């Protein structure tokens, strides 16, 4: 259980990092829009994409926090239980 939870946490972190990277790239594109002819149309497209990506990033952040909390609770439960010697 612990290993799969670590894997899920790692995958969620990677997905969150990719989403944030994509958001940053879109923001770079938005800065360069003033030099294009069809800036308003492109701006609307990028705004819609940003809305979706921001919601996705928020969900991924919630997921990462939940996995981290579960892992810390598991670690605490392992340290709280007394170990029996054979």
N, C-alpha and C. Protein backbone atom coordinates (compact mmCIF):
# COMPACT_ATOMS: atom_id res chain seq x y z
N UNK A 1 0.83 -1.20 0.00
CA UNK A 1 0.00 0.00 0.00
C UNK A 1 0.87 1.26 0.00
N UNK A 2 1.93 1.25 0.81
CA UNK A 2 2.76 2.42 0.93
C UNK A 2 3.47 2.75 -0.39
N UNK A 3 3.95 1.71 -1.07
CA UNK A 3 4.67 1.94 -2.32
C UNK A 3 3.74 2.52 -3.39
N UNK A 4 2.53 2.00 -3.50
CA UNK A 4 1.63 2.52 -4.52
C UNK A 4 1.20 3.95 -4.19
N UNK A 5 1.09 4.25 -2.90
CA UNK A 5 0.76 5.62 -2.51
C UNK A 5 1.89 6.57 -2.86
N UNK A 6 3.12 6.12 -2.68
CA UNK A 6 4.28 6.94 -3.06
C UNK A 6 4.30 7.16 -4.57
N UNK A 7 3.98 6.11 -5.31
CA UNK A 7 3.94 6.24 -6.78
C UNK A 7 2.85 7.22 -7.22
N UNK A 8 1.68 7.10 -6.59
CA UNK A 8 0.60 8.03 -6.94
C UNK A 8 0.99 9.46 -6.61
N UNK A 9 1.67 9.64 -5.47
CA UNK A 9 2.13 10.98 -5.09
C UNK A 9 3.13 11.49 -6.12
N UNK A 10 4.06 10.67 -6.51
CA UNK A 10 5.06 11.08 -7.49
C UNK A 10 4.41 11.44 -8.83
N UNK A 11 3.49 10.62 -9.26
CA UNK A 11 2.79 10.90 -10.53
C UNK A 11 1.97 12.18 -10.44
N UNK A 12 1.33 12.40 -9.30
CA UNK A 12 0.53 13.62 -9.12
C UNK A 12 1.44 14.85 -9.12
N UNK A 13 2.60 14.75 -8.49
CA UNK A 13 3.54 15.87 -8.49
C UNK A 13 4.05 16.16 -9.89
N UNK A 14 4.36 15.12 -10.64
CA UNK A 14 4.83 15.30 -12.01
C UNK A 14 3.75 15.96 -12.86
N UNK A 15 2.53 15.50 -12.71
CA UNK A 15 1.42 16.09 -13.47
C UNK A 15 1.22 17.55 -13.10
N UNK A 16 1.32 17.86 -11.81
CA UNK A 16 1.18 19.24 -11.36
C UNK A 16 2.30 20.11 -11.92
N UNK A 17 3.52 19.61 -11.90
CA UNK A 17 4.64 20.38 -12.46
C UNK A 17 4.45 20.62 -13.96
N UNK A 18 3.97 19.62 -14.68
CA UNK A 18 3.72 19.80 -16.11
C UNK A 18 2.63 20.82 -16.36
N UNK A 19 1.59 20.80 -15.55
CA UNK A 19 0.50 21.76 -15.69
C UNK A 19 0.98 23.17 -15.42
N UNK A 20 1.77 23.34 -14.37
CA UNK A 20 2.30 24.67 -14.04
C UNK A 20 3.22 25.16 -15.16
N UNK A 21 4.03 24.26 -15.70
CA UNK A 21 4.91 24.62 -16.81
C UNK A 21 4.09 25.09 -18.02
N UNK A 22 3.00 24.40 -18.30
CA UNK A 22 2.13 24.79 -19.41
C UNK A 22 1.49 26.15 -19.16
N UNK A 23 1.07 26.40 -17.93
CA UNK A 23 0.49 27.70 -17.57
C UNK A 23 1.51 28.81 -17.78
N UNK A 24 2.74 28.56 -17.37
CA UNK A 24 3.78 29.57 -17.55
C UNK A 24 4.05 29.85 -19.03
N UNK A 25 4.02 28.81 -19.85
CA UNK A 25 4.22 29.00 -21.29
C UNK A 25 3.08 29.81 -21.89
N UNK A 26 1.87 29.57 -21.45
CA UNK A 26 0.73 30.35 -21.96
C UNK A 26 0.87 31.81 -21.56
N UNK A 27 1.33 32.06 -20.35
CA UNK A 27 1.53 33.44 -19.93
C UNK A 27 2.61 34.13 -20.76
N UNK A 28 3.63 33.38 -21.16
CA UNK A 28 4.64 33.95 -22.05
C UNK A 28 4.03 34.31 -23.39
N UNK A 29 3.17 33.44 -23.90
CA UNK A 29 2.49 33.71 -25.18
C UNK A 29 1.62 34.94 -25.08
N UNK A 30 0.95 35.11 -23.94
CA UNK A 30 0.07 36.26 -23.77
C UNK A 30 0.84 37.57 -23.82
N UNK A 31 2.07 37.56 -23.32
CA UNK A 31 2.88 38.78 -23.35
C UNK A 31 3.26 39.18 -24.78
N UNK A 32 3.40 38.18 -25.65
CA UNK A 32 3.80 38.45 -27.03
C UNK A 32 2.61 38.72 -27.95
N UNK A 33 1.41 38.69 -27.45
CA UNK A 33 0.23 38.88 -28.30
C UNK A 33 0.08 40.29 -28.85
N UNK A 34 0.64 41.25 -28.18
CA UNK A 34 0.47 42.63 -28.64
C UNK A 34 1.09 42.88 -30.01
N UNK A 35 1.94 41.98 -30.45
CA UNK A 35 2.61 42.13 -31.73
C UNK A 35 1.89 41.39 -32.87
N UNK A 36 0.78 40.74 -32.57
CA UNK A 36 0.06 39.99 -33.60
C UNK A 36 -1.18 40.75 -34.04
N UNK A 37 -1.65 40.41 -35.24
CA UNK A 37 -2.84 41.08 -35.79
C UNK A 37 -4.12 40.61 -35.13
N UNK A 38 -4.29 39.30 -34.99
CA UNK A 38 -5.52 38.75 -34.43
C UNK A 38 -5.37 38.50 -32.92
N UNK A 39 -4.93 39.50 -32.21
CA UNK A 39 -4.59 39.37 -30.80
C UNK A 39 -5.82 39.03 -29.94
N UNK A 40 -6.96 39.63 -30.24
CA UNK A 40 -8.15 39.42 -29.41
C UNK A 40 -8.64 37.98 -29.48
N UNK A 41 -8.66 37.41 -30.65
CA UNK A 41 -9.10 36.02 -30.80
C UNK A 41 -8.14 35.09 -30.07
N UNK A 42 -6.86 35.33 -30.27
CA UNK A 42 -5.85 34.50 -29.61
C UNK A 42 -5.91 34.67 -28.09
N UNK A 43 -6.16 35.89 -27.65
CA UNK A 43 -6.28 36.17 -26.21
C UNK A 43 -7.44 35.38 -25.61
N UNK A 44 -8.55 35.33 -26.29
CA UNK A 44 -9.71 34.59 -25.78
C UNK A 44 -9.42 33.10 -25.69
N UNK A 45 -8.74 32.56 -26.69
CA UNK A 45 -8.37 31.15 -26.67
C UNK A 45 -7.46 30.83 -25.48
N UNK A 46 -6.47 31.69 -25.29
CA UNK A 46 -5.52 31.47 -24.20
C UNK A 46 -6.20 31.62 -22.83
N UNK A 47 -7.13 32.54 -22.73
CA UNK A 47 -7.86 32.72 -21.46
C UNK A 47 -8.69 31.48 -21.12
N UNK A 48 -9.33 30.91 -22.12
CA UNK A 48 -10.11 29.69 -21.89
C UNK A 48 -9.21 28.54 -21.47
N UNK A 49 -8.08 28.43 -22.14
CA UNK A 49 -7.14 27.37 -21.81
C UNK A 49 -6.59 27.56 -20.39
N UNK A 50 -6.33 28.80 -20.02
CA UNK A 50 -5.84 29.09 -18.67
C UNK A 50 -6.86 28.74 -17.60
N UNK A 51 -8.13 29.02 -17.88
CA UNK A 51 -9.18 28.67 -16.92
C UNK A 51 -9.17 27.18 -16.62
N UNK A 52 -9.12 26.40 -17.68
CA UNK A 52 -9.14 24.94 -17.54
C UNK A 52 -7.88 24.46 -16.82
N UNK A 53 -6.73 24.98 -17.22
CA UNK A 53 -5.48 24.54 -16.60
C UNK A 53 -5.39 24.95 -15.13
N UNK A 54 -5.91 26.11 -14.79
CA UNK A 54 -5.92 26.53 -13.38
C UNK A 54 -6.78 25.61 -12.54
N UNK A 55 -7.93 25.22 -13.06
CA UNK A 55 -8.79 24.28 -12.33
C UNK A 55 -8.10 22.93 -12.17
N UNK A 56 -7.47 22.48 -13.24
CA UNK A 56 -6.75 21.21 -13.20
C UNK A 56 -5.61 21.26 -12.19
N UNK A 57 -4.87 22.36 -12.18
CA UNK A 57 -3.76 22.51 -11.23
C UNK A 57 -4.28 22.52 -9.79
N UNK A 58 -5.41 23.14 -9.56
CA UNK A 58 -5.98 23.16 -8.21
C UNK A 58 -6.36 21.75 -7.77
N UNK A 59 -6.95 20.97 -8.67
CA UNK A 59 -7.31 19.60 -8.35
C UNK A 59 -6.07 18.75 -8.09
N UNK A 60 -5.05 18.94 -8.89
CA UNK A 60 -3.82 18.18 -8.71
C UNK A 60 -3.13 18.56 -7.40
N UNK A 61 -3.19 19.83 -7.04
CA UNK A 61 -2.60 20.27 -5.79
C UNK A 61 -3.33 19.64 -4.60
N UNK A 62 -4.64 19.58 -4.68
CA UNK A 62 -5.42 18.94 -3.63
C UNK A 62 -5.06 17.47 -3.51
N UNK A 63 -4.89 16.81 -4.63
CA UNK A 63 -4.52 15.41 -4.66
C UNK A 63 -3.14 15.19 -4.04
N UNK A 64 -2.18 16.03 -4.39
CA UNK A 64 -0.83 15.92 -3.83
C UNK A 64 -0.87 16.09 -2.32
N UNK A 65 -1.60 17.08 -1.85
CA UNK A 65 -1.70 17.31 -0.41
C UNK A 65 -2.33 16.11 0.30
N UNK A 66 -3.35 15.53 -0.32
CA UNK A 66 -4.01 14.38 0.29
C UNK A 66 -3.06 13.20 0.39
N UNK A 67 -2.32 12.94 -0.68
CA UNK A 67 -1.36 11.83 -0.66
C UNK A 67 -0.25 12.08 0.37
N UNK A 68 0.23 13.31 0.45
CA UNK A 68 1.26 13.63 1.44
C UNK A 68 0.74 13.43 2.86
N UNK A 69 -0.50 13.82 3.08
CA UNK A 69 -1.10 13.66 4.41
C UNK A 69 -1.24 12.17 4.75
N UNK A 70 -1.71 11.39 3.79
CA UNK A 70 -1.86 9.95 4.02
C UNK A 70 -0.51 9.29 4.31
N UNK A 71 0.52 9.69 3.57
CA UNK A 71 1.85 9.13 3.81
C UNK A 71 2.38 9.51 5.18
N UNK A 72 2.15 10.75 5.58
CA UNK A 72 2.63 11.17 6.90
C UNK A 72 1.87 10.46 8.01
N UNK A 73 0.57 10.21 7.80
CA UNK A 73 -0.20 9.47 8.79
C UNK A 73 0.28 8.03 8.89
N UNK A 74 0.61 7.43 7.75
CA UNK A 74 1.13 6.06 7.76
C UNK A 74 2.48 6.01 8.46
N UNK A 75 3.31 7.01 8.22
CA UNK A 75 4.62 7.04 8.85
C UNK A 75 4.48 7.20 10.36
N UNK A 76 3.54 8.04 10.79
CA UNK A 76 3.30 8.22 12.22
C UNK A 76 2.78 6.95 12.86
N UNK A 77 1.89 6.26 12.17
CA UNK A 77 1.33 5.04 12.73
C UNK A 77 2.40 3.94 12.85
N UNK A 78 3.36 3.94 11.93
CA UNK A 78 4.44 2.97 12.00
C UNK A 78 5.39 3.27 13.16
N UNK A 79 5.61 4.55 13.45
CA UNK A 79 6.51 4.91 14.54
C UNK A 79 5.82 4.83 15.90
N UNK A 80 4.50 4.95 15.93
CA UNK A 80 3.76 4.89 17.18
C UNK A 80 3.56 3.49 17.69
N UNK A 81 3.49 2.51 16.81
CA UNK A 81 3.27 1.13 17.24
C UNK A 81 4.56 0.54 17.77
N UNK A 82 4.50 -0.12 18.91
CA UNK A 82 5.73 -0.71 19.46
C UNK A 82 6.17 -1.91 18.62
N UNK A 83 7.46 -2.04 18.44
CA UNK A 83 8.03 -3.14 17.67
C UNK A 83 8.28 -4.32 18.59
N UNK A 84 7.86 -5.49 18.19
CA UNK A 84 8.11 -6.70 18.98
C UNK A 84 9.35 -7.38 18.46
N UNK A 85 10.23 -7.77 19.37
CA UNK A 85 11.47 -8.44 18.96
C UNK A 85 11.25 -9.94 18.93
N UNK A 86 11.83 -10.62 17.97
CA UNK A 86 11.70 -12.06 17.85
C UNK A 86 12.76 -12.77 18.62
